N, C-alpha and C. Protein backbone atom coordinates (compact mmCIF):
# COMPACT_ATOMS: atom_id res chain seq x y z
N MET A 1 177.67 157.87 -125.28
CA MET A 1 176.24 158.17 -125.30
C MET A 1 176.06 159.68 -125.17
N ALA A 2 175.27 160.24 -126.04
CA ALA A 2 175.04 161.68 -126.03
C ALA A 2 174.26 162.09 -124.79
N GLN A 3 174.69 163.15 -124.18
CA GLN A 3 173.99 163.63 -122.99
C GLN A 3 172.58 164.05 -123.36
N GLY A 4 171.60 163.69 -122.51
CA GLY A 4 170.22 164.05 -122.76
C GLY A 4 169.44 163.01 -123.54
N LYS A 5 170.11 161.99 -124.06
CA LYS A 5 169.43 160.95 -124.83
C LYS A 5 169.75 159.57 -124.25
N MET A 6 169.87 159.47 -122.94
CA MET A 6 170.24 158.22 -122.29
C MET A 6 169.16 157.15 -122.41
N VAL A 7 167.93 157.53 -122.67
CA VAL A 7 166.84 156.55 -122.77
C VAL A 7 166.42 156.28 -124.21
N GLU A 8 167.08 156.91 -125.16
CA GLU A 8 166.70 156.75 -126.56
C GLU A 8 166.77 155.28 -126.97
N GLY A 9 165.67 154.80 -127.57
CA GLY A 9 165.61 153.42 -128.03
C GLY A 9 165.27 152.40 -126.96
N LYS A 10 165.10 152.85 -125.73
CA LYS A 10 164.77 151.95 -124.63
C LYS A 10 163.27 152.02 -124.36
N VAL A 11 162.78 151.08 -123.55
CA VAL A 11 161.37 151.07 -123.16
C VAL A 11 161.28 151.55 -121.72
N ALA A 12 160.44 152.54 -121.48
CA ALA A 12 160.21 153.06 -120.14
C ALA A 12 158.79 152.71 -119.71
N VAL A 13 158.67 152.01 -118.59
CA VAL A 13 157.36 151.70 -118.02
C VAL A 13 157.15 152.69 -116.88
N VAL A 14 156.14 153.55 -117.02
CA VAL A 14 155.89 154.58 -116.02
C VAL A 14 154.55 154.28 -115.35
N THR A 15 154.59 153.99 -114.06
CA THR A 15 153.37 153.70 -113.32
C THR A 15 152.76 155.00 -112.81
N GLY A 16 151.44 155.01 -112.67
CA GLY A 16 150.75 156.22 -112.24
C GLY A 16 150.87 157.32 -113.27
N ALA A 17 150.96 156.93 -114.54
CA ALA A 17 151.26 157.89 -115.61
C ALA A 17 150.04 158.55 -116.22
N GLY A 18 148.87 158.33 -115.65
CA GLY A 18 147.66 158.93 -116.20
C GLY A 18 147.49 160.40 -115.84
N ARG A 19 148.22 160.85 -114.84
CA ARG A 19 148.09 162.25 -114.42
C ARG A 19 149.27 162.64 -113.55
N GLY A 20 149.37 163.91 -113.28
CA GLY A 20 150.37 164.42 -112.35
C GLY A 20 151.82 164.16 -112.74
N ILE A 21 152.62 163.84 -111.73
CA ILE A 21 154.05 163.62 -111.94
C ILE A 21 154.29 162.44 -112.89
N GLY A 22 153.50 161.38 -112.76
CA GLY A 22 153.67 160.22 -113.64
C GLY A 22 153.48 160.58 -115.10
N ALA A 23 152.47 161.39 -115.40
CA ALA A 23 152.23 161.82 -116.78
C ALA A 23 153.38 162.67 -117.28
N ALA A 24 153.88 163.56 -116.44
CA ALA A 24 155.00 164.41 -116.83
C ALA A 24 156.25 163.58 -117.12
N ILE A 25 156.50 162.57 -116.30
CA ILE A 25 157.66 161.71 -116.51
C ILE A 25 157.50 160.91 -117.80
N ALA A 26 156.30 160.38 -118.05
CA ALA A 26 156.05 159.61 -119.28
C ALA A 26 156.31 160.48 -120.51
N LYS A 27 155.83 161.71 -120.49
CA LYS A 27 156.03 162.62 -121.62
C LYS A 27 157.51 162.97 -121.80
N LEU A 28 158.21 163.17 -120.70
CA LEU A 28 159.64 163.48 -120.76
C LEU A 28 160.42 162.30 -121.33
N MET A 29 160.10 161.09 -120.87
CA MET A 29 160.77 159.90 -121.39
C MET A 29 160.58 159.79 -122.90
N ALA A 30 159.36 160.04 -123.37
CA ALA A 30 159.08 159.98 -124.81
C ALA A 30 159.85 161.07 -125.55
N GLN A 31 159.88 162.25 -124.98
CA GLN A 31 160.61 163.37 -125.59
C GLN A 31 162.09 163.04 -125.73
N GLU A 32 162.61 162.26 -124.80
CA GLU A 32 164.02 161.88 -124.81
C GLU A 32 164.28 160.63 -125.64
N GLY A 33 163.24 160.10 -126.31
CA GLY A 33 163.44 159.01 -127.25
C GLY A 33 163.05 157.63 -126.80
N ALA A 34 162.50 157.50 -125.59
CA ALA A 34 162.07 156.18 -125.12
C ALA A 34 160.70 155.82 -125.69
N LYS A 35 160.47 154.53 -125.83
CA LYS A 35 159.14 154.01 -126.11
C LYS A 35 158.50 153.85 -124.74
N VAL A 36 157.29 154.37 -124.55
CA VAL A 36 156.72 154.47 -123.21
C VAL A 36 155.49 153.59 -123.04
N VAL A 37 155.47 152.86 -121.92
CA VAL A 37 154.27 152.15 -121.48
C VAL A 37 153.65 153.04 -120.40
N VAL A 38 152.49 153.60 -120.70
CA VAL A 38 151.78 154.49 -119.79
C VAL A 38 150.86 153.61 -118.94
N ASN A 39 151.28 153.34 -117.70
CA ASN A 39 150.50 152.47 -116.82
C ASN A 39 149.71 153.30 -115.83
N ASP A 40 148.41 153.05 -115.78
CA ASP A 40 147.55 153.73 -114.81
C ASP A 40 146.28 152.92 -114.66
N ILE A 41 145.93 152.55 -113.43
CA ILE A 41 144.71 151.75 -113.23
C ILE A 41 143.45 152.60 -113.26
N GLY A 42 143.62 153.90 -113.25
CA GLY A 42 142.50 154.81 -113.47
C GLY A 42 141.56 155.03 -112.30
N VAL A 43 142.03 154.77 -111.09
CA VAL A 43 141.16 155.01 -109.94
C VAL A 43 141.20 156.48 -109.55
N SER A 44 140.16 156.91 -108.87
CA SER A 44 140.10 158.29 -108.38
C SER A 44 141.06 158.45 -107.20
N LEU A 45 141.23 159.66 -106.74
CA LEU A 45 142.07 159.90 -105.57
C LEU A 45 141.53 159.19 -104.34
N ALA A 46 140.24 158.89 -104.34
CA ALA A 46 139.62 158.16 -103.23
C ALA A 46 139.81 156.65 -103.38
N GLY A 47 140.44 156.21 -104.47
CA GLY A 47 140.69 154.79 -104.69
C GLY A 47 139.54 154.04 -105.31
N GLU A 48 138.64 154.75 -105.96
CA GLU A 48 137.46 154.13 -106.55
C GLU A 48 137.47 154.27 -108.07
N GLY A 49 136.74 153.38 -108.73
CA GLY A 49 136.56 153.47 -110.18
C GLY A 49 137.61 152.71 -110.95
N GLY A 50 137.64 152.96 -112.24
CA GLY A 50 138.57 152.30 -113.14
C GLY A 50 138.49 152.93 -114.52
N ASP A 51 138.80 154.20 -114.62
CA ASP A 51 138.68 154.96 -115.86
C ASP A 51 139.98 154.87 -116.67
N GLN A 52 139.90 154.38 -117.90
CA GLN A 52 141.07 154.25 -118.76
C GLN A 52 141.41 155.54 -119.49
N THR A 53 140.55 156.53 -119.39
CA THR A 53 140.73 157.77 -120.14
C THR A 53 142.04 158.50 -119.83
N PRO A 54 142.44 158.68 -118.56
CA PRO A 54 143.67 159.44 -118.31
C PRO A 54 144.91 158.84 -118.98
N ALA A 55 145.08 157.54 -118.90
CA ALA A 55 146.24 156.89 -119.53
C ALA A 55 146.17 157.04 -121.04
N GLN A 56 144.99 156.86 -121.61
CA GLN A 56 144.85 156.96 -123.05
C GLN A 56 145.13 158.37 -123.54
N GLN A 57 144.75 159.38 -122.76
CA GLN A 57 145.02 160.76 -123.14
C GLN A 57 146.52 161.04 -123.18
N VAL A 58 147.26 160.50 -122.21
CA VAL A 58 148.71 160.69 -122.19
C VAL A 58 149.34 160.01 -123.41
N VAL A 59 148.87 158.80 -123.74
CA VAL A 59 149.37 158.10 -124.92
C VAL A 59 149.13 158.95 -126.17
N GLU A 60 147.94 159.51 -126.30
CA GLU A 60 147.62 160.33 -127.47
C GLU A 60 148.51 161.57 -127.55
N GLU A 61 148.78 162.20 -126.41
CA GLU A 61 149.66 163.38 -126.39
C GLU A 61 151.07 163.00 -126.84
N ILE A 62 151.56 161.87 -126.36
CA ILE A 62 152.91 161.41 -126.75
C ILE A 62 152.96 161.14 -128.24
N ARG A 63 151.95 160.45 -128.75
CA ARG A 63 151.93 160.13 -130.18
C ARG A 63 151.83 161.38 -131.04
N LYS A 64 151.02 162.35 -130.63
CA LYS A 64 150.89 163.60 -131.39
C LYS A 64 152.21 164.35 -131.45
N ALA A 65 153.03 164.17 -130.41
CA ALA A 65 154.34 164.83 -130.37
C ALA A 65 155.41 164.03 -131.11
N GLY A 66 155.01 162.90 -131.72
CA GLY A 66 155.95 162.10 -132.50
C GLY A 66 156.58 160.93 -131.76
N GLY A 67 156.13 160.68 -130.54
CA GLY A 67 156.68 159.58 -129.76
C GLY A 67 155.90 158.29 -129.91
N GLU A 68 156.41 157.24 -129.28
CA GLU A 68 155.75 155.94 -129.30
C GLU A 68 155.29 155.61 -127.88
N ALA A 69 154.01 155.22 -127.76
CA ALA A 69 153.49 154.89 -126.44
C ALA A 69 152.30 153.95 -126.55
N VAL A 70 152.11 153.15 -125.51
CA VAL A 70 150.94 152.29 -125.37
C VAL A 70 150.45 152.44 -123.94
N ALA A 71 149.17 152.14 -123.74
CA ALA A 71 148.59 152.23 -122.41
C ALA A 71 148.48 150.84 -121.79
N SER A 72 148.61 150.79 -120.48
CA SER A 72 148.43 149.57 -119.70
C SER A 72 147.55 149.94 -118.51
N TYR A 73 146.55 149.11 -118.25
CA TYR A 73 145.58 149.45 -117.20
C TYR A 73 145.61 148.49 -116.02
N ASP A 74 146.60 147.61 -115.97
CA ASP A 74 146.69 146.62 -114.88
C ASP A 74 147.48 147.15 -113.71
C-alpha cells in the first residue's frame, strides 16, 4: 500500500464534520481518496437547533475538490 493513500477507496464516516476539526478531517480523508460521509446534527455550541447547512457546505467543498461525499444529519 502506497504511503499517504491508506484510505483510498474506503468509506470514512466523520462525526461532527460540519465544522472545526471534524470538517478538517473529512476534507483530509477525501483528499487521501476516501469516500466521505459528513455527519453533523447541526446544533449550535449551546446544543440548540438543527441546521443542515454546515454539513452540506463541507460536502460541497469536497465535491468541488474532486472528492466523493454525502451528508448525514442523524
